[in-house]
Amino acid sequence: MYEERPSRLSGAVVWANTSPGTGRVLPDGCMDLLWHEGRLIVAGADTRAHRTEGAAGSWYGVRFFPGAAPAFLCVPAHELRDRRVDLAELWPASEVRRLSGRVAASADLPRALEDLVLERAEPPDPLLRRLVGALDAGRPVAATADELGLGARQLHRRARDAFGYGPKTLARILRFRRALRLAAEVPFAEAAARAGFADQAHLAREVKELAGVPLGELLGRR
């Protein structure tokens, strides 16, 4: 069973999946710190759906607000794009062993994982927050760069370090997520128009490319 709750870390969520099965993790602009079977793992930002294969045992995680994880990890996001890596590949092994022991000894694994993040997380970057907010509202990338006082190259560099890819890819993924939320409530054609797609066929192509399955199958609607 999957459950999540807001984290004490601004914009983040804490989640638990205690009966994992084969599934599909959709791109959302976020990165996660995971705990599974005594291991601390980092999930980088995805550009396509990530297939899970029903690994035994429960999973726990902290999902960072887009752009927030690299400051915690001290690693540029593009180095982790579409990857799942042990934290020990990024931090000193002795430090990861100490932190893993601390989490493993806790009676509340999600809380222990969240505490670990809170101790080391940096304050959110206001510029990155504004960037995500503008793109999630459907603002064009060029107009957003002007509003933030950034040149195109500077915006691309900062986005790549923070999100794992450039602002156009982030805008594409956020638009995809907007459409999925809408499509769960309204007809697909209306969801496409309101999310900023040219038409329903455009939305269908994006969903197939980013999620790997047709929209109706993804949402359980025929």
C-alpha atoms as a PDB file:
ATOM      1  CA  MET A   1       0.000   0.000   0.000  1.00  0.00           C
ATOM      2  CA  TYR A   2       1.277   3.442  -0.946  1.00  0.00           C
ATOM      3  CA  GLU A   3       0.867   6.381   1.448  1.00  0.00           C
ATOM      4  CA  GLU A   4       2.363   9.868   1.546  1.00  0.00           C
ATOM      5  CA  ARG A   5       2.180  12.965   3.720  1.00  0.00           C
ATOM      6  CA  PRO A   6       3.624  16.487   3.569  1.00  0.00           C
ATOM      7  CA  SER A   7       7.143  16.734   4.955  1.00  0.00           C
ATOM      8  CA  ARG A   8       8.406  19.265   7.460  1.00  0.00           C
ATOM      9  CA  LEU A   9      10.824  20.180   4.659  1.00  0.00           C
ATOM     10  CA  SER A  10       9.163  22.842   2.533  1.00  0.00           C
ATOM     11  CA  GLY A  11       7.545  21.400  -0.580  1.00  0.00           C
ATOM     12  CA  ALA A  12       8.671  17.821   0.056  1.00  0.00           C
ATOM     13  CA  VAL A  13       6.602  14.733   0.813  1.00  0.00           C
ATOM     14  CA  VAL A  14       7.387  11.635   2.853  1.00  0.00           C
ATOM     15  CA  TRP A  15       6.057   8.382   1.466  1.00  0.00           C
ATOM     16  CA  ALA A  16       5.923   4.654   2.147  1.00  0.00           C
ATOM     17  CA  ASN A  17       5.122   1.724  -0.137  1.00  0.00           C
ATOM     18  CA  THR A  18       4.667  -1.318   2.051  1.00  0.00           C
ATOM     19  CA  SER A  19       3.357  -3.687  -0.621  1.00  0.00           C
ATOM     20  CA  PRO A  20       5.337  -2.832  -3.743  1.00  0.00           C
ATOM     21  CA  GLY A  21       4.542  -4.505  -7.025  1.00  0.00           C
ATOM     22  CA  THR A  22       5.484  -4.029 -10.625  1.00  0.00           C
ATOM     23  CA  GLY A  23       4.555  -0.483 -11.522  1.00  0.00           C
ATOM     24  CA  ARG A  24       5.421   2.726 -13.273  1.00  0.00           C
ATOM     25  CA  VAL A  25       7.013   5.841 -11.738  1.00  0.00           C
ATOM     26  CA  LEU A  26       6.164   8.823 -13.928  1.00  0.00           C
ATOM     27  CA  PRO A  27       8.488  11.801 -14.481  1.00  0.00           C
ATOM     28  CA  ASP A  28       7.537  14.731 -12.244  1.00  0.00           C
ATOM     29  CA  GLY A  29      10.626  16.948 -11.969  1.00  0.00           C
ATOM     30  CA  CYS A  30      11.437  15.568  -8.505  1.00  0.00           C
ATOM     31  CA  MET A  31      14.247  13.543  -6.960  1.00  0.00           C
ATOM     32  CA  ASP A  32      13.944  11.135  -4.009  1.00  0.00           C
ATOM     33  CA  LEU A  33      16.058   9.824  -1.168  1.00  0.00           C
ATOM     34  CA  LEU A  34      14.975   6.186  -0.722  1.00  0.00           C
ATOM     35  CA  TRP A  35      15.346   3.559   1.973  1.00  0.00           C
ATOM     36  CA  HIS A  36      15.072  -0.112   1.016  1.00  0.00           C
ATOM     37  CA  GLU A  37      16.331  -3.193   2.810  1.00  0.00           C
ATOM     38  CA  GLY A  38      19.026  -1.319   4.740  1.00  0.00           C
ATOM     39  CA  ARG A  39      20.199   0.785   1.782  1.00  0.00           C
ATOM     40  CA  LEU A  40      20.037   4.537   1.190  1.00  0.00           C
ATOM     41  CA  ILE A  41      19.403   5.139  -2.506  1.00  0.00           C
ATOM     42  CA  VAL A  42      19.002   8.270  -4.613  1.00  0.00           C
ATOM     43  CA  ALA A  43      16.472   8.388  -7.427  1.00  0.00           C
ATOM     44  CA  GLY A  44      17.429  11.004  -9.984  1.00  0.00           C
ATOM     45  CA  ALA A  45      14.961  13.027 -12.018  1.00  0.00           C
ATOM     46  CA  ASP A  46      13.375  10.943 -14.768  1.00  0.00           C
ATOM     47  CA  THR A  47      12.793  11.909 -18.380  1.00  0.00           C
ATOM     48  CA  ARG A  48      10.714   8.773 -19.053  1.00  0.00           C
ATOM     49  CA  ALA A  49       8.632   6.435 -16.908  1.00  0.00           C
ATOM     50  CA  HIS A  50      10.729   4.241 -14.623  1.00  0.00           C
ATOM     51  CA  ARG A  51       9.498   0.662 -14.372  1.00  0.00           C
ATOM     52  CA  THR A  52       9.598  -0.984 -10.941  1.00  0.00           C
ATOM     53  CA  GLU A  53       9.753  -4.751 -10.864  1.00  0.00           C
ATOM     54  CA  GLY A  54       8.218  -5.542  -7.506  1.00  0.00           C
ATOM     55  CA  ALA A  55      11.390  -5.789  -5.443  1.00  0.00           C
ATOM     56  CA  ALA A  56      10.690  -7.558  -2.151  1.00  0.00           C
ATOM     57  CA  GLY A  57      10.368  -5.536   1.019  1.00  0.00           C
ATOM     58  CA  SER A  58       8.972  -2.104   1.790  1.00  0.00           C
ATOM     59  CA  TRP A  59      10.216   1.155   0.314  1.00  0.00           C
ATOM     60  CA  TYR A  60      10.319   4.535   2.059  1.00  0.00           C
ATOM     61  CA  GLY A  61      11.264   7.907   0.640  1.00  0.00           C
ATOM     62  CA  VAL A  62      11.486  11.655   0.846  1.00  0.00           C
ATOM     63  CA  ARG A  63      10.502  13.289  -2.438  1.00  0.00           C
ATOM     64  CA  PHE A  64      12.114  16.720  -2.805  1.00  0.00           C
ATOM     65  CA  PHE A  65      10.461  19.722  -4.392  1.00  0.00           C
ATOM     66  CA  PRO A  66      11.873  20.089  -7.943  1.00  0.00           C
ATOM     67  CA  GLY A  67      15.370  21.531  -7.787  1.00  0.00           C
ATOM     68  CA  ALA A  68      15.868  21.058  -4.028  1.00  0.00           C
ATOM     69  CA  ALA A  69      17.737  17.729  -3.897  1.00  0.00           C
ATOM     70  CA  PRO A  70      21.106  18.703  -5.457  1.00  0.00           C
ATOM     71  CA  ALA A  71      21.901  21.146  -2.620  1.00  0.00           C
ATOM     72  CA  PHE A  72      21.265  18.336  -0.120  1.00  0.00           C
ATOM     73  CA  LEU A  73      23.275  15.783  -2.094  1.00  0.00           C
ATOM     74  CA  CYS A  74      26.046  18.186  -3.173  1.00  0.00           C
ATOM     75  CA  VAL A  75      25.807  16.676  -6.669  1.00  0.00           C
ATOM     76  CA  PRO A  76      24.484  18.363  -9.834  1.00  0.00           C
ATOM     77  CA  ALA A  77      21.160  16.836 -10.837  1.00  0.00           C
ATOM     78  CA  HIS A  78      22.248  16.073 -14.403  1.00  0.00           C
ATOM     79  CA  GLU A  79      24.737  13.513 -13.063  1.00  0.00           C
ATOM     80  CA  LEU A  80      21.806  11.500 -11.664  1.00  0.00           C
ATOM     81  CA  ARG A  81      19.264  11.934 -14.463  1.00  0.00           C
ATOM     82  CA  ASP A  82      17.311   8.691 -15.108  1.00  0.00           C
ATOM     83  CA  ARG A  83      19.459   6.828 -12.566  1.00  0.00           C
ATOM     84  CA  ARG A  84      19.048   5.018  -9.231  1.00  0.00           C
ATOM     85  CA  VAL A  85      22.318   4.974  -7.273  1.00  0.00           C
ATOM     86  CA  ASP A  86      23.433   4.054  -3.767  1.00  0.00           C
ATOM     87  CA  LEU A  87      24.094   7.111  -1.622  1.00  0.00           C
ATOM     88  CA  ALA A  88      27.505   5.559  -0.876  1.00  0.00           C
ATOM     89  CA  GLU A  89      28.480   6.322  -4.490  1.00  0.00           C
ATOM     90  CA  LEU A  90      28.005  10.024  -3.761  1.00  0.00           C
ATOM     91  CA  TRP A  91      29.059  10.392  -0.118  1.00  0.00           C
ATOM     92  CA  PRO A  92      31.850   8.814   1.963  1.00  0.00           C
ATOM     93  CA  ALA A  93      30.997   5.189   2.660  1.00  0.00           C
ATOM     94  CA  SER A  94      31.673   5.550   6.395  1.00  0.00           C
ATOM     95  CA  GLU A  95      29.184   8.406   6.669  1.00  0.00           C
ATOM     96  CA  VAL A  96      26.538   6.480   4.752  1.00  0.00           C
ATOM     97  CA  ARG A  97      27.052   3.435   7.014  1.00  0.00           C
ATOM     98  CA  ARG A  98      26.556   5.636  10.070  1.00  0.00           C
ATOM     99  CA  LEU A  99      23.385   7.194   8.675  1.00  0.00           C
ATOM    100  CA  SER A 100      22.040   3.840   7.507  1.00  0.00           C
ATOM    101  CA  GLY A 101      22.537   2.388  10.965  1.00  0.00           C
ATOM    102  CA  ARG A 102      20.659   5.279  12.472  1.00  0.00           C
ATOM    103  CA  VAL A 103      17.691   4.860  10.140  1.00  0.00           C
ATOM    104  CA  ALA A 104      17.663   1.073  10.568  1.00  0.00           C
ATOM    105  CA  ALA A 105      17.521   1.425  14.365  1.00  0.00           C
ATOM    106  CA  SER A 106      14.429   3.635  14.235  1.00  0.00           C
ATOM    107  CA  ALA A 107      10.949   2.334  14.966  1.00  0.00           C
ATOM    108  CA  ASP A 108       9.601   4.926  12.497  1.00  0.00           C
ATOM    109  CA  LEU A 109      11.572   4.569   9.277  1.00  0.00           C
ATOM    110  CA  PRO A 110       9.872   7.383   7.320  1.00  0.00           C
ATOM    111  CA  ARG A 111      10.393   9.799  10.223  1.00  0.00           C
ATOM    112  CA  ALA A 112      14.050   8.787  10.589  1.00  0.00           C
ATOM    113  CA  LEU A 113      14.630   9.317   6.869  1.00  0.00           C
ATOM    114  CA  GLU A 114      12.941  12.704   7.033  1.00  0.00           C
ATOM    115  CA  ASP A 115      15.053  13.716  10.053  1.00  0.00           C
ATOM    116  CA  LEU A 116      18.211  12.836   8.138  1.00  0.00           C
ATOM    117  CA  VAL A 117      17.135  15.119   5.291  1.00  0.00           C
ATOM    118  CA  LEU A 118      16.090  17.970   7.582  1.00  0.00           C
ATOM    119  CA  GLU A 119      19.486  18.017   9.283  1.00  0.00           C
ATOM    120  CA  ARG A 120      21.309  18.601   6.001  1.00  0.00           C
ATOM    121  CA  ALA A 121      18.847  20.282   3.658  1.00  0.00           C
ATOM    122  CA  GLU A 122      19.589  23.783   2.428  1.00  0.00           C
ATOM    123  CA  PRO A 123      16.929  26.526   2.408  1.00  0.00           C
ATOM    124  CA  PRO A 124      14.981  26.490  -0.873  1.00  0.00           C
ATOM    125  CA  ASP A 125      16.333  28.704  -3.636  1.00  0.00           C
ATOM    126  CA  PRO A 126      13.676  31.396  -4.250  1.00  0.00           C
ATOM    127  CA  LEU A 127      14.666  31.737  -7.903  1.00  0.00           C
ATOM    128  CA  LEU A 128      14.188  28.012  -8.533  1.00  0.00           C
ATOM    129  CA  ARG A 129      10.815  28.164  -6.792  1.00  0.00           C
ATOM    130  CA  ARG A 130       9.758  31.005  -9.058  1.00  0.00           C
ATOM    131  CA  LEU A 131      11.011  29.140 -12.114  1.00  0.00           C
ATOM    132  CA  VAL A 132       9.045  25.995 -11.262  1.00  0.00           C
ATOM    133  CA  GLY A 133       5.950  28.011 -10.421  1.00  0.00           C
ATOM    134  CA  ALA A 134       6.056  29.953 -13.692  1.00  0.00           C
ATOM    135  CA  LEU A 135       6.612  26.880 -15.866  1.00  0.00           C
ATOM    136  CA  ASP A 136       3.980  24.900 -13.985  1.00  0.00           C
ATOM    137  CA  ALA A 137       1.525  27.720 -14.713  1.00  0.00           C
ATOM    138  CA  GLY A 138       2.279  27.366 -18.409  1.00  0.00           C
ATOM    139  CA  ARG A 139       4.508  30.428 -18.833  1.00  0.00           C
ATOM    140  CA  PRO A 140       6.844  30.259 -21.875  1.00  0.00           C
ATOM    141  CA  VAL A 141      10.478  29.525 -21.099  1.00  0.00           C
ATOM    142  CA  ALA A 142      11.800  32.672 -22.796  1.00  0.00           C
ATOM    143  CA  ALA A 143       9.342  34.925 -20.980  1.00  0.00           C
ATOM    144  CA  THR A 144      10.165  33.232 -17.683  1.00  0.00           C
ATOM    145  CA  ALA A 145      13.896  33.785 -18.230  1.00  0.00           C
ATOM    146  CA  ASP A 146      13.251  37.487 -18.842  1.00  0.00           C
ATOM    147  CA  GLU A 147      11.097  37.750 -15.720  1.00  0.00           C
ATOM    148  CA  LEU A 148      13.859  36.136 -13.652  1.00  0.00           C
ATOM    149  CA  GLY A 149      16.551  38.336 -15.159  1.00  0.00           C
ATOM    150  CA  LEU A 150      18.473  35.394 -16.631  1.00  0.00           C
ATOM    151  CA  GLY A 151      19.916  34.856 -20.082  1.00  0.00           C
ATOM    152  CA  ALA A 152      19.005  31.709 -21.994  1.00  0.00           C
ATOM    153  CA  ARG A 153      22.368  30.014 -21.391  1.00  0.00           C
ATOM    154  CA  GLN A 154      22.412  30.930 -17.701  1.00  0.00           C
ATOM    155  CA  LEU A 155      18.876  29.613 -17.246  1.00  0.00           C
ATOM    156  CA  HIS A 156      19.743  26.370 -19.026  1.00  0.00           C
ATOM    157  CA  ARG A 157      22.863  25.855 -16.891  1.00  0.00           C
ATOM    158  CA  ARG A 158      21.042  26.506 -13.625  1.00  0.00           C
ATOM    159  CA  ALA A 159      18.123  24.295 -14.643  1.00  0.00           C
ATOM    160  CA  ARG A 160      20.423  21.433 -15.678  1.00  0.00           C
ATOM    161  CA  ASP A 161      22.232  21.535 -12.332  1.00  0.00           C
ATOM    162  CA  ALA A 162      18.998  21.832 -10.333  1.00  0.00           C
ATOM    163  CA  PHE A 163      16.572  19.579 -12.228  1.00  0.00           C
ATOM    164  CA  GLY A 164      18.776  17.327 -14.330  1.00  0.00           C
ATOM    165  CA  TYR A 165      17.717  18.820 -17.663  1.00  0.00           C
ATOM    166  CA  GLY A 166      17.002  22.153 -19.297  1.00  0.00           C
ATOM    167  CA  PRO A 167      13.979  24.381 -18.699  1.00  0.00           C
ATOM    168  CA  LYS A 168      12.163  23.212 -21.845  1.00  0.00           C
ATOM    169  CA  THR A 169      12.244  19.612 -20.632  1.00  0.00           C
ATOM    170  CA  LEU A 170      11.078  20.692 -17.187  1.00  0.00           C
ATOM    171  CA  ALA A 171       8.222  22.678 -18.763  1.00  0.00           C
ATOM    172  CA  ARG A 172       7.271  19.653 -20.851  1.00  0.00           C
ATOM    173  CA  ILE A 173       7.167  17.346 -17.821  1.00  0.00           C
ATOM    174  CA  LEU A 174       5.181  19.832 -15.722  1.00  0.00           C
ATOM    175  CA  ARG A 175       2.676  20.264 -18.557  1.00  0.00           C
ATOM    176  CA  PHE A 176       2.356  16.469 -18.769  1.00  0.00           C
ATOM    177  CA  ARG A 177       1.612  16.311 -15.042  1.00  0.00           C
ATOM    178  CA  ARG A 178      -0.968  19.106 -15.319  1.00  0.00           C
ATOM    179  CA  ALA A 179      -2.716  17.218 -18.093  1.00  0.00           C
ATOM    180  CA  LEU A 180      -2.828  13.999 -16.059  1.00  0.00           C
ATOM    181  CA  ARG A 181      -4.458  15.783 -13.130  1.00  0.00           C
ATOM    182  CA  LEU A 182      -7.034  17.338 -15.422  1.00  0.00           C
ATOM    183  CA  ALA A 183      -7.660  14.160 -17.422  1.00  0.00           C
ATOM    184  CA  ALA A 184      -8.639  12.348 -14.227  1.00  0.00           C
ATOM    185  CA  GLU A 185     -11.589  14.772 -13.900  1.00  0.00           C
ATOM    186  CA  VAL A 186     -12.576  16.029 -17.367  1.00  0.00           C
ATOM    187  CA  PRO A 187     -12.687  14.685 -20.955  1.00  0.00           C
ATOM    188  CA  PHE A 188      -9.279  14.181 -22.526  1.00  0.00           C
ATOM    189  CA  ALA A 189      -9.804  16.877 -25.176  1.00  0.00           C
ATOM    190  CA  GLU A 190     -10.648  19.430 -22.497  1.00  0.00           C
ATOM    191  CA  ALA A 191      -7.665  18.350 -20.398  1.00  0.00           C
ATOM    192  CA  ALA A 192      -5.376  18.792 -23.419  1.00  0.00           C
ATOM    193  CA  ALA A 193      -6.641  22.315 -24.123  1.00  0.00           C
ATOM    194  CA  ARG A 194      -6.507  23.465 -20.518  1.00  0.00           C
ATOM    195  CA  ALA A 195      -3.000  22.032 -19.976  1.00  0.00           C
ATOM    196  CA  GLY A 196      -1.612  23.852 -23.015  1.00  0.00           C
ATOM    197  CA  PHE A 197      -1.482  21.124 -25.672  1.00  0.00           C
ATOM    198  CA  ALA A 198      -2.407  21.834 -29.288  1.00  0.00           C
ATOM    199  CA  ASP A 199      -5.101  19.154 -29.219  1.00  0.00           C
ATOM    200  CA  GLN A 200      -5.939  15.728 -27.793  1.00  0.00           C
ATOM    201  CA  ALA A 201      -3.675  13.966 -30.313  1.00  0.00           C
ATOM    202  CA  HIS A 202      -0.728  16.075 -29.131  1.00  0.00           C
ATOM    203  CA  LEU A 203      -1.455  15.088 -25.533  1.00  0.00           C
ATOM    204  CA  ALA A 204      -1.754  11.425 -26.534  1.00  0.00           C
ATOM    205  CA  ARG A 205       1.677  11.481 -28.188  1.00  0.00           C
ATOM    206  CA  GLU A 206       3.297  13.121 -25.161  1.00  0.00           C
ATOM    207  CA  VAL A 207       1.746  10.649 -22.732  1.00  0.00           C
ATOM    208  CA  LYS A 208       2.844   7.680 -24.830  1.00  0.00           C
ATOM    209  CA  GLU A 209       6.403   9.021 -24.990  1.00  0.00           C
ATOM    210  CA  LEU A 210       6.734  10.057 -21.335  1.00  0.00           C
ATOM    211  CA  ALA A 211       4.650   7.335 -19.672  1.00  0.00           C
ATOM    212  CA  GLY A 212       5.136   4.500 -22.147  1.00  0.00           C
ATOM    213  CA  VAL A 213       1.425   3.648 -22.375  1.00  0.00           C
ATOM    214  CA  PRO A 214      -1.685   5.348 -23.838  1.00  0.00           C
ATOM    215  CA  LEU A 215      -3.489   7.902 -21.666  1.00  0.00           C
ATOM    216  CA  GLY A 216      -6.623   5.794 -21.252  1.00  0.00           C
ATOM    217  CA  GLU A 217      -4.611   2.805 -20.066  1.00  0.00           C
ATOM    218  CA  LEU A 218      -2.559   4.980 -17.713  1.00  0.00           C
ATOM    219  CA  LEU A 219      -5.690   6.363 -16.043  1.00  0.00           C
ATOM    220  CA  GLY A 220      -7.679   3.137 -16.211  1.00  0.00           C
ATOM    221  CA  ARG A 221     -10.184   4.626 -18.672  1.00  0.00           C
ATOM    222  CA  ARG A 222     -11.132   3.218 -22.064  1.00  0.00           C
END
